Amino acid sequence: MKYSFFKEGLLPPLRPLGLNIMLPLFILLIGLPGLTFAHGVTAGDQGYIQEISGVNLLPFIYLGAKHMVTGYDHLLFLFGVIFFLYRLSHIGIYVSLFALGHSTTLLLGVYLDIPANAYLIDAIIGLSVVYKALDNLGAFQRWFGVQPNTKAATLIFGFFHGFGLATKIQEFEIAPDGLLANLIAFNVGVEIGQLIALALILILMGFWRRSPGFFRHAYHSNVALMSGGFMLMGYQLVGYAIS
């Protein structure tokens, strides 16, 4: 069962963040603006995608895996999703829902060339991180007396995460020859990368959960996670305003 600060009476008042939490996150995100705007697709990968044509399964599997492993917006959201999940069956359900949403909009967005503003989609991705942190903090129960459907939210935000990458790939003008096969290969790579990243997160979380300070630090960890989501949103909204 998902742990809740609200249920256990451990949720302190949500208050302004101290510099000890905000400053490290601010420095991190200021130092990585290229990744924030490129959505985890490097300049070298962009050039490679634009130059090749035909079916290239292995390269696109590699690019998909690399995107997920280096896509910290996805990893932050997944970190929040599994934060209080202990059973592998529960983790599998939520990760599968995220993967379903991510894969669906990535395929359809690129293959059908569905237009959208990349800045606004990525701002919603930042919002997904904020939502998950607030959910972990039990804020919705405390403020509104309701608990959102966490499975539905994971699927819906998965749609936006996939569509965010789709808006970037559309800009690269991938050759139509072999497009569908390459997109499927990219999705396979994304799932491989997700499993790799998830395994590493679960290993680290396993050690942390066994420490006596886990629940003592869990609140501040989710507040920091929420702050990171707000910063991601801010970057994208500023980009939208000046673009």
Protein backbone atom coordinates (compact mmCIF):
# COMPACT_ATOMS: atom_id res chain seq x y z
CA MET A 1 0.00 0.00 0.00
CA LYS A 2 1.23 3.48 -0.84
CA TYR A 3 2.62 5.35 2.17
CA SER A 4 1.02 8.69 3.01
CA PHE A 5 2.39 11.42 5.25
CA PHE A 6 -1.19 12.63 5.66
CA LYS A 7 -2.48 9.23 6.77
CA GLU A 8 0.35 8.78 9.25
CA GLY A 9 0.10 12.34 10.54
CA LEU A 10 3.67 13.18 9.57
CA LEU A 11 3.00 15.97 7.07
CA PRO A 12 4.23 19.29 8.44
CA PRO A 13 2.83 22.54 7.05
CA LEU A 14 3.97 23.24 3.49
CA ARG A 15 6.10 26.34 3.82
CA PRO A 16 8.60 28.30 1.69
CA LEU A 17 11.72 26.34 0.90
CA GLY A 18 15.02 27.20 2.51
CA LEU A 19 18.17 27.96 0.57
CA ASN A 20 19.59 24.59 1.57
CA ILE A 21 17.04 22.93 -0.74
CA MET A 22 16.54 25.56 -3.44
CA LEU A 23 20.17 26.46 -4.13
CA PRO A 24 21.48 23.01 -5.17
CA LEU A 25 18.51 22.48 -7.48
CA PHE A 26 18.90 25.97 -8.95
CA ILE A 27 22.59 25.40 -9.66
CA LEU A 28 21.86 22.00 -11.20
CA LEU A 29 19.21 23.30 -13.58
CA ILE A 30 21.12 26.48 -14.46
CA GLY A 31 24.11 24.31 -15.37
CA LEU A 32 22.06 22.09 -17.67
CA PRO A 33 19.90 24.44 -19.78
CA GLY A 34 20.82 22.64 -23.00
CA LEU A 35 19.38 19.37 -21.76
CA THR A 36 16.30 21.12 -20.43
CA PHE A 37 15.43 22.59 -23.81
CA ALA A 38 16.72 19.72 -25.97
CA HIS A 39 14.64 17.18 -24.05
CA GLY A 40 17.59 14.82 -23.70
CA VAL A 41 18.51 14.81 -27.43
CA THR A 42 22.09 15.96 -27.97
CA ALA A 43 23.27 17.97 -30.97
CA GLY A 44 25.23 14.98 -32.28
CA ASP A 45 22.18 12.73 -32.08
CA GLN A 46 20.09 15.38 -33.81
CA GLY A 47 22.50 15.51 -36.72
CA TYR A 48 22.63 11.73 -36.98
CA ILE A 49 18.83 11.44 -37.01
CA GLN A 50 18.59 14.00 -39.78
CA GLU A 51 21.23 12.37 -41.99
CA ILE A 52 20.22 8.69 -42.00
CA SER A 53 17.38 7.14 -43.99
CA GLY A 54 15.84 3.69 -44.28
CA VAL A 55 15.36 1.16 -41.49
CA ASN A 56 18.03 1.54 -38.78
CA LEU A 57 16.79 -0.51 -35.85
CA LEU A 58 19.88 -0.79 -33.65
CA PRO A 59 20.84 2.90 -33.84
CA PHE A 60 17.32 3.96 -32.92
CA ILE A 61 17.15 1.44 -30.07
CA TYR A 62 20.39 2.95 -28.76
CA LEU A 63 19.06 6.50 -29.13
CA GLY A 64 15.84 5.58 -27.32
CA ALA A 65 17.70 3.99 -24.42
CA LYS A 66 20.07 6.94 -24.21
CA HIS A 67 17.17 9.38 -24.17
CA MET A 68 15.51 7.69 -21.21
CA VAL A 69 18.69 7.22 -19.19
CA THR A 70 19.71 10.88 -19.67
CA GLY A 71 16.20 12.36 -19.65
CA TYR A 72 16.09 13.65 -16.09
CA ASP A 73 12.55 15.01 -16.46
CA HIS A 74 11.35 11.43 -16.99
CA LEU A 75 13.57 10.12 -14.21
CA LEU A 76 12.34 12.71 -11.72
CA PHE A 77 8.76 11.74 -12.44
CA LEU A 78 9.48 8.01 -12.17
CA PHE A 79 11.40 8.63 -8.94
CA GLY A 80 8.31 10.29 -7.52
CA VAL A 81 6.02 7.53 -8.79
CA ILE A 82 7.94 4.71 -7.08
CA PHE A 83 8.94 6.67 -3.98
CA PHE A 84 6.45 4.92 -1.70
CA LEU A 85 5.89 1.76 -3.78
CA TYR A 86 7.44 -1.34 -2.24
CA ARG A 87 5.97 -4.32 -4.09
CA LEU A 88 7.42 -5.12 -7.51
CA SER A 89 3.92 -5.86 -8.79
CA HIS A 90 2.79 -2.33 -7.90
CA ILE A 91 5.92 -0.80 -9.42
CA GLY A 92 5.36 -2.83 -12.59
CA ILE A 93 1.78 -1.55 -12.94
CA TYR A 94 2.71 2.10 -12.61
CA VAL A 95 5.79 1.89 -14.82
CA SER A 96 3.79 0.02 -17.46
CA LEU A 97 1.10 2.72 -17.43
CA PHE A 98 3.77 5.40 -17.87
CA ALA A 99 5.39 3.41 -20.69
CA LEU A 100 2.03 2.92 -22.43
CA GLY A 101 1.30 6.63 -22.36
CA HIS A 102 4.82 7.62 -23.36
CA SER A 103 4.99 5.18 -26.27
CA THR A 104 1.52 6.00 -27.61
CA THR A 105 1.97 9.74 -27.99
CA LEU A 106 5.56 9.43 -29.18
CA LEU A 107 4.50 7.13 -32.03
CA LEU A 108 1.34 8.99 -32.97
CA GLY A 109 2.80 12.45 -32.50
CA VAL A 110 5.69 11.84 -34.90
CA TYR A 111 4.03 9.46 -37.37
CA LEU A 112 0.88 11.60 -37.77
CA ASP A 113 2.88 14.85 -37.46
CA ILE A 114 0.58 16.27 -34.76
CA PRO A 115 1.62 19.87 -34.06
CA ALA A 116 2.08 21.29 -30.57
CA ASN A 117 4.21 23.89 -28.83
CA ALA A 118 7.22 22.10 -27.34
CA TYR A 119 7.65 24.66 -24.55
CA LEU A 120 4.09 24.24 -23.28
CA ILE A 121 4.26 20.44 -23.43
CA ASP A 122 7.54 20.43 -21.53
CA ALA A 123 6.03 22.83 -18.97
CA ILE A 124 3.30 20.25 -18.37
CA ILE A 125 6.03 17.63 -17.94
CA GLY A 126 7.50 19.82 -15.20
CA LEU A 127 4.01 20.05 -13.72
CA SER A 128 3.86 16.24 -13.62
CA VAL A 129 6.87 16.24 -11.30
CA VAL A 130 5.20 18.85 -9.08
CA TYR A 131 1.98 16.81 -9.01
CA LYS A 132 3.74 13.60 -8.02
CA ALA A 133 5.68 15.30 -5.22
CA LEU A 134 2.48 16.85 -3.84
CA ASP A 135 0.74 13.48 -4.08
CA ASN A 136 3.55 11.85 -2.11
CA LEU A 137 3.24 14.58 0.51
CA GLY A 138 -0.47 13.88 0.90
CA ALA A 139 -1.22 17.50 -0.01
CA PHE A 140 -4.36 16.78 -2.04
CA GLN A 141 -5.94 14.90 0.86
CA ARG A 142 -5.01 17.66 3.28
CA TRP A 143 -6.08 20.59 1.10
CA PHE A 144 -9.12 19.18 -0.71
CA GLY A 145 -10.03 16.01 1.19
CA VAL A 146 -9.68 13.86 -1.95
CA GLN A 147 -7.08 11.49 -3.36
CA PRO A 148 -6.60 11.69 -7.15
CA ASN A 149 -6.50 8.43 -9.07
CA THR A 150 -2.75 7.84 -9.13
CA LYS A 151 -2.87 5.23 -11.90
CA ALA A 152 -4.89 7.49 -14.19
CA ALA A 153 -2.57 10.42 -13.45
CA THR A 154 0.51 8.31 -14.28
CA LEU A 155 -1.00 7.30 -17.63
CA ILE A 156 -2.13 10.84 -18.50
CA PHE A 157 1.23 12.38 -17.65
CA GLY A 158 2.88 9.55 -19.60
CA PHE A 159 1.00 10.84 -22.66
CA PHE A 160 2.54 14.28 -22.17
CA HIS A 161 6.05 12.90 -21.59
CA GLY A 162 5.89 11.01 -24.89
CA PHE A 163 4.37 13.95 -26.74
CA GLY A 164 7.11 16.21 -25.42
CA LEU A 165 9.74 14.09 -27.13
CA ALA A 166 7.57 13.81 -30.24
CA THR A 167 7.55 17.60 -30.63
CA LYS A 168 11.36 17.59 -30.59
CA ILE A 169 11.73 14.71 -33.04
CA GLN A 170 9.33 16.43 -35.43
CA GLU A 171 11.80 19.30 -35.67
CA PHE A 172 14.51 16.93 -36.92
CA GLU A 173 12.56 16.00 -40.07
CA ILE A 174 13.34 12.28 -39.97
CA ALA A 175 13.34 10.63 -43.40
CA PRO A 176 9.94 9.02 -44.11
CA ASP A 177 11.67 5.90 -45.44
CA GLY A 178 11.51 3.36 -42.59
CA LEU A 179 9.94 5.91 -40.23
CA LEU A 180 7.48 3.56 -38.50
CA ALA A 181 10.06 0.81 -37.95
CA ASN A 182 12.58 3.31 -36.62
CA LEU A 183 10.03 4.84 -34.24
CA ILE A 184 9.11 1.40 -32.91
CA ALA A 185 12.81 0.65 -32.42
CA PHE A 186 13.19 3.97 -30.61
CA ASN A 187 10.33 3.00 -28.29
CA VAL A 188 11.94 -0.36 -27.59
CA GLY A 189 15.11 1.51 -26.68
CA VAL A 190 13.14 3.83 -24.40
CA GLU A 191 11.75 0.83 -22.52
CA ILE A 192 15.22 -0.71 -22.22
CA GLY A 193 16.58 2.57 -20.90
CA GLN A 194 13.66 2.86 -18.51
CA LEU A 195 14.35 -0.59 -17.09
CA ILE A 196 18.05 0.24 -16.64
CA ALA A 197 17.29 3.56 -14.94
CA LEU A 198 14.56 2.01 -12.82
CA ALA A 199 16.84 -0.79 -11.67
CA LEU A 200 19.46 1.72 -10.53
CA ILE A 201 16.85 3.85 -8.75
CA LEU A 202 15.39 0.82 -6.99
CA ILE A 203 18.83 -0.34 -5.84
CA LEU A 204 19.59 3.07 -4.35
CA MET A 205 16.09 3.36 -2.89
CA GLY A 206 16.46 -0.10 -1.33
CA PHE A 207 19.55 0.98 0.60
CA TRP A 208 17.94 4.29 1.57
CA ARG A 209 14.70 2.69 2.77
CA ARG A 210 16.62 0.40 5.11
CA SER A 211 18.26 3.37 6.80
CA PRO A 212 16.63 4.76 9.96
CA GLY A 213 16.45 8.25 8.47
CA PHE A 214 14.34 7.41 5.41
CA PHE A 215 10.98 8.69 6.66
CA ARG A 216 12.69 11.58 8.42
CA HIS A 217 14.15 12.80 5.12
CA ALA A 218 11.32 11.69 2.79
CA TYR A 219 9.31 14.87 3.33
CA HIS A 220 12.20 17.17 2.41
CA SER A 221 13.14 14.96 -0.54
CA ASN A 222 9.66 15.37 -2.01
CA VAL A 223 9.69 19.11 -1.35
CA ALA A 224 12.98 19.26 -3.27
CA LEU A 225 11.41 17.15 -6.03
CA MET A 226 8.51 19.59 -6.22
CA SER A 227 10.96 22.51 -6.42
CA GLY A 228 12.76 20.85 -9.33
CA GLY A 229 9.43 20.46 -11.14
CA PHE A 230 8.61 24.13 -10.64
CA MET A 231 12.04 25.09 -12.00
CA LEU A 232 11.54 22.94 -15.09
CA MET A 233 8.15 24.60 -15.61
CA GLY A 234 9.73 28.02 -15.21
CA TYR A 235 12.40 27.35 -17.84
CA GLN A 236 9.81 26.24 -20.37
CA LEU A 237 7.36 29.06 -19.69
CA VAL A 238 10.13 31.63 -20.03
CA GLY A 239 11.18 29.97 -23.28
CA TYR A 240 7.60 30.13 -24.52
CA ALA A 241 7.30 33.81 -23.59
CA ILE A 242 10.45 34.86 -25.45
CA SER A 243 10.15 32.51 -28.44
